[in-house]
Protein backbone atom coordinates (compact mmCIF):
# COMPACT_ATOMS: atom_id res chain seq x y z
CA MET A 1 12.94 -13.62 -15.36
CA GLY A 2 12.81 -14.40 -18.39
CA LEU A 3 9.11 -15.58 -18.22
CA ASP A 4 6.71 -14.89 -21.43
CA THR A 5 3.42 -13.59 -19.74
CA GLU A 6 1.31 -14.36 -23.07
CA THR A 7 2.44 -18.10 -22.89
CA HIS A 8 3.57 -18.75 -19.56
CA PRO A 9 6.52 -21.42 -20.74
CA PRO A 10 9.08 -22.86 -18.70
CA PRO A 11 12.42 -19.89 -18.11
CA ARG A 12 14.63 -20.04 -20.85
CA ASN A 13 17.56 -22.03 -19.65
CA ALA A 14 15.56 -23.83 -16.93
CA ALA A 15 16.84 -26.58 -15.33
CA ARG A 16 15.29 -29.20 -13.15
CA THR A 17 15.74 -29.49 -9.44
CA GLU A 18 14.14 -31.92 -7.69
CA GLY A 19 11.50 -31.27 -9.66
CA LYS A 20 11.35 -27.83 -9.85
CA HIS A 21 12.38 -25.26 -12.19
CA ARG A 22 15.38 -23.34 -11.58
CA MET A 23 14.20 -19.79 -11.89
CA ASP A 24 15.87 -18.03 -14.64
CA LEU A 25 16.50 -13.91 -13.96
CA THR A 26 17.52 -12.88 -17.44
CA LEU A 27 15.32 -10.71 -19.20
CA ASN A 28 13.68 -11.77 -22.74
CA PRO A 29 14.36 -9.27 -25.54
CA ARG A 30 10.91 -7.71 -25.16
CA TYR A 31 11.31 -6.61 -21.81
CA GLU A 32 15.12 -5.96 -22.32
CA ALA A 33 13.16 -3.11 -24.46
CA PHE A 34 11.08 -1.95 -22.28
CA ARG A 35 13.37 -1.85 -19.67
CA ASP A 36 15.20 0.79 -21.95
CA GLU A 37 12.06 2.50 -22.74
CA LEU A 38 12.17 2.94 -19.10
CA ARG A 39 15.59 3.91 -18.49
CA ALA A 40 15.05 6.14 -21.13
CA PHE A 41 11.93 8.13 -20.08
CA LEU A 42 13.33 8.15 -16.43
CA ALA A 43 16.63 9.87 -17.62
CA THR A 44 14.71 12.56 -19.55
CA HIS A 45 11.85 13.73 -17.20
CA GLY A 46 13.36 12.29 -14.09
CA HIS A 47 14.11 15.89 -13.13
CA ARG A 48 10.65 16.60 -12.70
CA SER A 49 9.14 13.66 -10.67
CA ALA A 50 8.04 15.40 -7.12
CA PHE A 51 7.13 13.27 -3.82
CA ALA A 52 3.76 13.56 -2.49
CA ARG A 53 3.33 12.41 1.11
CA THR A 54 0.46 9.89 1.36
CA ALA A 55 -1.35 11.64 4.48
CA ASP A 56 -1.51 15.00 2.69
CA ARG A 57 -3.18 16.31 -0.60
CA PRO A 58 -0.73 15.96 -3.49
CA ASP A 59 0.37 19.56 -4.74
CA ALA A 60 0.56 21.30 -8.15
CA ASP A 61 4.42 18.95 -8.76
CA ALA A 62 3.05 15.95 -8.09
CA LEU A 63 -0.26 16.36 -10.02
CA ALA A 64 1.75 17.56 -12.83
CA TRP A 65 3.95 13.93 -12.90
CA GLN A 66 1.18 11.56 -12.46
CA ARG A 67 -0.33 13.44 -15.56
CA LEU A 68 2.82 12.53 -17.44
CA LEU A 69 2.88 9.16 -16.22
CA LEU A 70 -0.53 8.47 -17.25
CA ASP A 71 -0.05 9.55 -20.73
CA HIS A 72 3.17 7.78 -20.91
CA GLY A 73 1.62 4.89 -19.50
CA TYR A 74 3.61 4.25 -16.32
CA ALA A 75 0.35 5.07 -14.46
CA GLY A 76 -3.09 3.19 -14.35
CA ARG A 77 -1.00 1.15 -17.14
CA THR A 78 -3.90 -1.27 -17.51
CA VAL A 79 -6.74 0.20 -16.48
CA PRO A 80 -8.94 0.71 -19.66
CA ARG A 81 -8.86 4.12 -21.33
CA ASP A 82 -12.65 4.64 -21.17
CA TYR A 83 -12.02 4.88 -17.21
CA GLY A 84 -8.87 6.95 -17.59
CA GLY A 85 -6.18 4.71 -17.63
CA HIS A 86 -3.74 3.72 -20.43
CA GLY A 87 -5.25 0.64 -21.38
CA ALA A 88 -2.22 -1.78 -21.56
CA ALA A 89 -3.16 -5.60 -21.52
CA PRO A 90 -2.13 -6.72 -17.70
CA ASP A 91 1.50 -7.60 -17.63
CA VAL A 92 3.24 -8.69 -14.75
CA MET A 93 6.75 -8.16 -15.76
CA GLU A 94 6.08 -5.09 -17.26
CA SER A 95 4.48 -3.25 -13.91
CA HIS A 96 7.62 -5.56 -11.72
CA LEU A 97 10.21 -3.72 -14.29
CA ILE A 98 8.14 -0.22 -13.93
CA THR A 99 8.58 -0.59 -10.06
CA GLU A 100 12.24 -1.79 -9.81
CA GLU A 101 13.15 1.10 -12.49
CA PHE A 102 11.43 3.97 -10.73
CA ALA A 103 13.09 2.93 -7.48
CA ARG A 104 16.78 2.16 -9.17
CA ALA A 105 16.66 5.84 -10.51
CA GLY A 106 15.43 7.26 -7.24
CA VAL A 107 12.33 9.05 -8.63
CA ALA A 108 8.80 9.14 -7.74
CA PRO A 109 6.72 6.73 -8.32
CA PRO A 110 3.06 6.85 -8.78
CA LEU A 111 0.82 8.29 -6.83
CA GLY A 112 -0.01 4.87 -4.72
CA ASN A 113 -2.83 6.79 -2.00
CA GLN A 114 -6.25 4.87 -0.80
CA GLY A 115 -7.97 5.91 -4.12
CA ILE A 116 -5.74 4.38 -6.22
CA SER A 117 -3.90 1.33 -4.63
CA MET A 118 -7.42 0.74 -3.34
CA LEU A 119 -10.26 1.73 -4.43
CA VAL A 120 -9.68 1.68 -7.66
CA PRO A 121 -9.28 -2.07 -8.25
CA THR A 122 -12.12 -2.64 -6.18
CA LEU A 123 -14.27 -0.67 -8.44
CA LEU A 124 -12.68 -2.52 -11.35
CA GLU A 125 -13.45 -5.74 -10.00
CA LEU A 126 -16.75 -4.99 -8.11
CA GLY A 127 -18.09 -1.78 -9.17
CA THR A 128 -20.96 -0.93 -11.31
CA GLU A 129 -20.33 0.88 -15.19
CA ALA A 130 -21.75 4.02 -13.98
CA GLN A 131 -19.31 3.73 -10.60
CA ARG A 132 -16.00 3.29 -12.29
CA ARG A 133 -16.48 5.93 -14.98
CA GLU A 134 -17.44 8.84 -12.53
CA TRP A 135 -14.74 7.81 -9.94
CA ILE A 136 -11.64 6.04 -11.53
CA GLY A 137 -10.48 9.01 -13.87
CA PRO A 138 -10.37 11.75 -11.21
CA THR A 139 -9.22 9.27 -8.34
CA LEU A 140 -6.07 7.97 -10.92
CA ARG A 141 -4.91 11.94 -11.90
CA GLY A 142 -4.90 12.70 -7.84
CA GLU A 143 -7.99 15.35 -8.68
CA VAL A 144 -10.28 13.23 -5.86
CA VAL A 145 -8.46 11.97 -2.53
CA TRP A 146 -10.07 9.47 -0.76
CA CYS A 147 -10.08 8.14 2.87
CA GLN A 148 -11.06 4.88 3.76
CA GLY A 149 -13.77 4.12 6.93
CA TYR A 150 -13.28 0.82 8.35
CA SER A 151 -11.96 0.85 11.66
CA GLU A 152 -14.16 1.78 15.03
CA PRO A 153 -13.14 1.93 18.73
CA GLY A 154 -14.75 -1.44 19.09
CA ALA A 155 -13.98 -2.97 15.57
CA GLY A 156 -10.35 -3.00 15.00
CA SER A 157 -8.61 -6.41 14.22
CA ASP A 158 -12.62 -7.31 14.61
CA LEU A 159 -13.11 -5.54 11.78
CA ALA A 160 -16.93 -7.82 11.14
CA SER A 161 -18.04 -6.26 14.76
CA LEU A 162 -18.36 -2.85 13.67
CA GLN A 163 -21.29 -0.88 14.68
CA THR A 164 -21.62 2.13 12.39
CA ARG A 165 -25.23 2.14 11.41
CA ALA A 166 -26.92 2.97 7.60
CA THR A 167 -31.01 3.10 8.36
CA GLU A 168 -33.50 3.51 5.26
CA ASP A 169 -35.02 6.44 4.50
CA GLY A 170 -36.68 6.69 1.32
CA GLY A 171 -33.94 6.66 -1.00
CA ASP A 172 -31.04 7.15 0.66
CA PHE A 173 -29.61 5.70 4.06
CA VAL A 174 -28.99 7.66 7.12
CA ILE A 175 -25.51 6.87 8.76
CA ASN A 176 -24.94 6.93 12.24
CA GLY A 177 -21.84 6.35 14.29
CA GLN A 178 -17.95 6.84 14.05
CA LYS A 179 -14.63 5.51 12.65
CA ILE A 180 -10.80 5.57 14.13
CA TRP A 181 -7.99 5.69 13.10
CA THR A 182 -8.82 7.04 9.42
CA SER A 183 -5.75 8.00 7.22
CA THR A 184 -6.17 11.65 5.05
CA ALA A 185 -9.90 11.67 6.24
CA HIS A 186 -8.95 15.60 6.52
CA VAL A 187 -7.93 16.00 3.56
CA ALA A 188 -9.90 13.51 1.66
CA ASP A 189 -12.99 14.61 -0.71
CA MET A 190 -14.58 11.26 -0.51
CA ILE A 191 -14.66 8.13 1.82
CA PHE A 192 -15.05 4.39 0.90
CA CYS A 193 -17.24 3.62 4.36
CA LEU A 194 -18.41 0.40 5.60
CA VAL A 195 -21.61 0.79 7.63
CA ARG A 196 -24.31 -1.68 9.05
CA THR A 197 -27.46 -1.93 7.24
CA GLU A 198 -29.00 -4.94 8.00
CA PRO A 199 -28.71 -4.84 11.93
CA GLY A 200 -30.54 -8.35 12.33
CA ALA A 201 -27.94 -10.30 10.47
CA ALA A 202 -25.17 -12.10 11.54
CA LYS A 203 -22.01 -9.68 11.87
CA HIS A 204 -20.68 -10.83 8.74
CA ALA A 205 -24.01 -10.70 6.35
CA GLY A 206 -24.90 -7.17 7.39
CA ILE A 207 -22.83 -4.81 6.14
CA SER A 208 -22.83 -2.96 3.10
CA TYR A 209 -19.92 -0.85 1.46
CA LEU A 210 -21.07 3.26 0.66
CA LEU A 211 -19.27 6.06 -1.26
CA PHE A 212 -20.05 9.62 -0.15
CA SER A 213 -18.96 12.79 0.12
CA MET A 214 -16.96 13.96 3.09
CA LYS A 215 -18.58 17.20 2.86
CA THR A 216 -21.98 15.66 3.28
CA PRO A 217 -23.69 17.57 6.05
CA GLY A 218 -23.31 15.25 9.70
CA ILE A 219 -19.56 14.38 8.89
CA GLU A 220 -17.13 16.15 11.58
CA VAL A 221 -13.64 15.18 12.00
CA ARG A 222 -11.25 14.77 14.30
CA PRO A 223 -7.44 15.09 13.79
CA LEU A 224 -5.53 12.32 15.88
CA LYS A 225 -1.95 13.76 16.14
CA THR A 226 0.38 10.53 16.62
CA MET A 227 3.89 10.18 17.89
CA THR A 228 5.26 11.90 14.85
CA GLY A 229 4.18 14.93 15.23
CA HIS A 230 1.31 14.67 12.04
CA ALA A 231 -2.01 14.18 11.79
CA GLU A 232 -2.06 11.64 9.81
CA PHE A 233 -4.75 9.79 11.35
CA ASN A 234 -8.40 10.73 12.59
CA GLU A 235 -11.67 10.15 14.06
CA VAL A 236 -14.86 10.62 11.87
CA PHE A 237 -17.87 10.71 13.20
CA PHE A 238 -21.51 10.36 11.11
CA THR A 239 -24.98 12.25 12.54
CA ASP A 240 -27.61 11.56 10.22
CA VAL A 241 -25.71 11.95 7.11
CA ARG A 242 -27.79 11.16 4.25
CA VAL A 243 -26.14 8.96 1.30
CA PRO A 244 -28.46 7.95 -1.87
CA GLN A 245 -28.66 4.01 -1.95
CA HIS A 246 -27.51 3.86 -5.08
CA GLN A 247 -23.83 5.30 -4.14
CA ILE A 248 -23.23 1.47 -2.61
CA VAL A 249 -20.58 -0.80 -4.16
CA GLY A 250 -21.54 -4.59 -4.46
CA GLN A 251 -25.05 -5.75 -3.08
CA ARG A 252 -26.71 -4.49 0.42
CA GLY A 253 -25.64 -6.80 2.94
CA ASP A 254 -22.79 -7.79 0.59
CA GLY A 255 -19.73 -5.58 2.12
CA TRP A 256 -17.78 -7.97 3.74
CA LYS A 257 -16.96 -9.13 0.27
CA VAL A 258 -16.09 -6.52 -1.23
CA ALA A 259 -14.10 -4.87 2.05
CA ASN A 260 -12.05 -7.74 1.57
CA ALA A 261 -11.44 -7.19 -1.77
CA THR A 262 -9.76 -3.62 -0.82
CA LEU A 263 -8.04 -5.13 2.13
CA LYS A 264 -6.25 -7.58 -0.46
CA HIS A 265 -4.35 -4.43 -2.18
CA GLU A 266 -3.95 -2.72 0.93
CA ARG A 267 -1.71 -5.54 2.62
CA GLY A 268 0.30 -6.11 -0.99
CA SER A 269 0.90 -2.77 -0.49
CA LEU A 270 2.54 -2.32 2.59
CA GLY A 271 5.10 -4.71 1.38
CA ASN A 272 6.73 -3.71 -1.61
CA PRO A 273 10.28 -4.98 -1.59
CA ASN A 274 11.65 -1.87 -4.12
CA LEU A 275 10.35 0.10 -1.60
CA THR A 276 12.60 -1.84 1.35
CA THR A 277 15.67 -1.94 -0.96
CA GLN A 278 15.21 1.47 -1.62
CA ARG A 279 15.10 2.29 2.39
CA TYR A 280 18.03 -0.47 2.19
CA GLN A 281 20.17 1.38 -0.06
CA GLU A 282 19.58 5.17 1.90
CA LEU A 283 20.76 3.64 4.97
CA ALA A 284 24.28 2.17 3.72
CA THR A 285 24.86 5.23 1.99
CA LEU A 286 24.14 7.00 5.56
CA MET A 287 26.62 4.55 6.98
CA GLN A 288 28.90 4.98 4.65
CA ALA A 289 28.88 9.00 4.89
CA GLU A 290 28.60 9.71 8.86
CA THR A 291 31.57 9.58 11.43
CA VAL A 292 32.28 8.72 14.21
CA ASP A 293 35.89 10.33 15.92
CA GLY A 294 36.80 10.16 12.64
CA THR A 295 35.46 6.58 11.97
CA ARG A 296 32.80 5.78 9.23
CA LEU A 297 29.69 4.30 11.11
CA ILE A 298 29.76 1.12 7.97
CA ASP A 299 33.59 0.12 9.74
CA GLN A 300 32.24 -0.59 12.67
CA PRO A 301 31.73 -4.17 13.56
CA VAL A 302 28.95 -4.73 15.72
CA LEU A 303 26.79 -1.73 13.14
CA ARG A 304 28.06 -3.91 10.22
CA ASP A 305 27.40 -6.86 11.10
CA ARG A 306 23.45 -5.70 11.74
CA LEU A 307 23.35 -3.87 8.46
CA MET A 308 25.09 -7.32 6.59
CA ARG A 309 21.89 -9.35 8.43
CA LEU A 310 19.33 -6.93 7.15
CA GLN A 311 20.77 -6.48 3.65
CA GLY A 312 19.62 -10.73 4.07
CA GLN A 313 16.25 -9.97 4.63
CA VAL A 314 16.17 -7.53 1.72
CA LEU A 315 17.48 -9.73 -0.79
CA ALA A 316 15.43 -12.85 0.39
CA GLN A 317 12.19 -10.07 0.29
CA LYS A 318 13.29 -9.30 -3.22
CA CYS A 319 13.99 -13.16 -3.87
CA HIS A 320 10.41 -13.84 -2.18
CA GLY A 321 8.65 -10.84 -4.76
CA LEU A 322 10.12 -12.87 -7.69
CA ARG A 323 8.51 -16.00 -6.48
CA LEU A 324 4.91 -13.71 -6.46
CA LEU A 325 5.96 -12.47 -9.80
CA THR A 326 6.41 -16.11 -11.08
CA ALA A 327 3.23 -17.42 -9.72
CA ALA A 328 1.03 -14.46 -11.07
CA ALA A 329 2.90 -14.72 -14.96
CA ARG A 330 1.80 -18.44 -14.57
CA GLY A 331 -1.74 -17.33 -13.22
CA GLU A 332 -1.37 -19.77 -10.02
CA ASP A 333 -2.41 -18.75 -6.95
CA PRO A 334 0.51 -18.01 -4.49
CA GLY A 335 -1.70 -19.33 -0.99
CA LEU A 336 0.75 -19.28 1.62
CA ALA A 337 3.44 -17.03 -0.16
CA ALA A 338 0.91 -14.07 -0.18
CA LEU A 339 0.17 -14.07 3.03
CA VAL A 340 3.48 -13.35 4.12
CA VAL A 341 4.47 -10.20 2.84
CA LYS A 342 2.72 -7.39 4.89
CA LEU A 343 4.07 -8.58 8.14
CA GLN A 344 7.59 -9.04 6.87
CA GLY A 345 7.69 -5.86 4.96
CA CYS A 346 6.16 -3.97 7.68
CA GLU A 347 8.74 -5.58 10.18
CA LEU A 348 11.49 -4.98 7.78
CA ARG A 349 11.11 -1.65 7.23
CA HIS A 350 10.94 -0.54 11.07
CA GLN A 351 14.41 -2.80 11.66
CA LEU A 352 16.02 -0.59 8.80
CA ALA A 353 14.55 2.67 10.84
CA ALA A 354 15.50 1.32 14.02
CA LEU A 355 19.72 0.41 12.64
CA ALA A 356 19.28 4.20 11.62
CA ILE A 357 18.73 6.22 14.87
CA ASP A 358 21.06 3.89 16.70
CA ALA A 359 23.86 4.43 14.52
CA LEU A 360 23.22 8.12 13.76
CA GLY A 361 23.70 8.09 18.01
CA GLU A 362 22.75 11.74 19.69
CA LEU A 363 21.73 12.49 16.51
CA GLY A 364 19.21 9.90 16.13
CA LEU A 365 17.32 11.65 18.63
CA LEU A 366 16.82 14.88 17.44
CA MET A 367 13.58 16.55 15.52
CA PRO A 368 13.12 19.16 13.23
CA GLY A 369 14.82 22.64 14.08
CA SER A 370 18.17 21.54 15.23
CA ALA A 371 21.67 22.41 13.43
CA HIS A 372 22.93 19.00 13.84
CA LEU A 373 19.75 17.06 11.91
CA ARG A 374 20.51 14.91 9.34
CA ALA A 375 17.87 13.90 6.52
CA GLN A 376 15.89 16.58 7.85
CA ALA A 377 14.67 13.59 10.56
CA LEU A 378 13.61 11.30 7.57
CA TRP A 379 14.95 8.50 9.96
CA GLN A 380 13.29 9.21 12.54
CA GLU A 381 9.77 9.94 11.74
CA ARG A 382 9.96 6.74 9.20
CA TYR A 383 11.10 4.88 12.50
CA MET A 384 8.28 6.23 14.40
CA PHE A 385 5.65 5.85 11.68
CA ASP A 386 6.37 2.19 10.51
CA LEU A 387 5.97 1.36 13.94
CA GLY A 388 2.46 2.20 13.35
CA LEU A 389 2.05 0.26 9.70
CA ILE A 390 2.57 -3.00 12.14
CA ILE A 391 -0.02 -2.42 13.71
CA GLY A 392 -2.07 -0.62 10.82
CA GLY A 393 -3.72 -2.53 8.00
CA GLY A 394 -4.22 -5.81 10.23
CA THR A 395 -1.35 -6.20 13.23
CA ALA A 396 1.26 -8.44 13.24
CA GLN A 397 -0.48 -10.54 15.47
CA ILE A 398 -3.35 -11.06 13.13
CA GLN A 399 -1.13 -11.32 10.20
CA LYS A 400 0.52 -14.56 12.41
CA ASN A 401 -2.77 -15.79 13.50
CA ILE A 402 -3.64 -15.40 9.32
CA ILE A 403 -0.87 -17.28 8.17
CA ALA A 404 -1.10 -20.01 10.82
CA GLU A 405 -4.74 -20.35 10.08
CA ARG A 406 -5.24 -19.96 6.40
CA GLY A 407 -1.91 -20.87 5.09
CA LEU A 408 -0.18 -23.49 7.13
CA ASP A 409 -3.87 -25.19 8.35
CA MET A 410 -3.02 -24.88 12.05
CA PRO A 411 -5.62 -25.42 14.81
CA ARG A 412 -7.82 -21.44 14.92
CA GLU A 413 -7.23 -19.92 18.13
CA PRO A 414 -10.09 -20.13 20.19
CA ARG A 415 -12.67 -17.30 20.25
CA LEU A 416 -14.85 -16.05 23.36
CA ALA A 417 -17.96 -17.18 23.15
């Protein structure tokens, strides 16, 4: 990865192979120094890291860790200082090394909830100056938690069919309708929400993107408990909820464009190769430690073969991430390569959890409270939760249609009249 992101020359020692550059995975001196800086920071401060469940509000330890990362530029690195970030110039290699070294050290990464990973880049791209100054800083620090009001009972995969209405009344919108599968709504301070403001317009043209408080009168949240035993998702009902019209992002009726900018960041975050690599390493460690009748799980041929197959997929995903990194460093559109990330990442994580459950045998069926529990039932929860991620953020079937139609230019799926 000897890419110089300032001038984008070919990698050092690059050789031509059938008209293409052979990738050089060595770091140039500048990035070697940055990696050493990261490792020194993690060696000194890693013990202070605190993991935060995405479905919960970050606790005091997680907030303190986030502040430390912001101070050193390992969170909000490229967000301008005026908005609460570190203000560094965009550098895909630095961002990659931060993610890679945090995963290698096994410490908590920067907070990555929906506000930070999805709304902040959306506001940087399409928000007003006032919206950026008001919301980006508190969101980056974890002080303001957001939820995403997109899906509805009749508008999931066909999101543009949403029916939650916002009618104009003086200087306000008055919102009525329902959202479903709304992550973190039960703990959120704010919501970024899609509503229909132009009922007479074509379905993609009549949508607006609003920001408003979850404490606004007329909002009711009903948690939805999933098979994990937790209520990560919610139903949200709006009854005459008044929102000032200036709390719109983008232009009125232009919410579909804003929504897709947000979805771009959501789907990319669901295919993080470093997270998948970390999961694989945890699984390999588990199979080396657990035994059946004195034989390590990893020494059982069938289980070892499955692990090796998954290792190959994990390595392929990591190399694919490097392909995307190269495209970003050169300012190129990755095209089809970017479209497969969400589908591949979510399905691979679920396969890793499935092998852990199978390898544990009857122990893999236990839930919290058992004296024989392994890893606090983490693999059981992952197995169930990761199945939901294959559906959330655009189902596997929808992702395959996107890959086929937009990436491979295949005929479009027939639509009902």
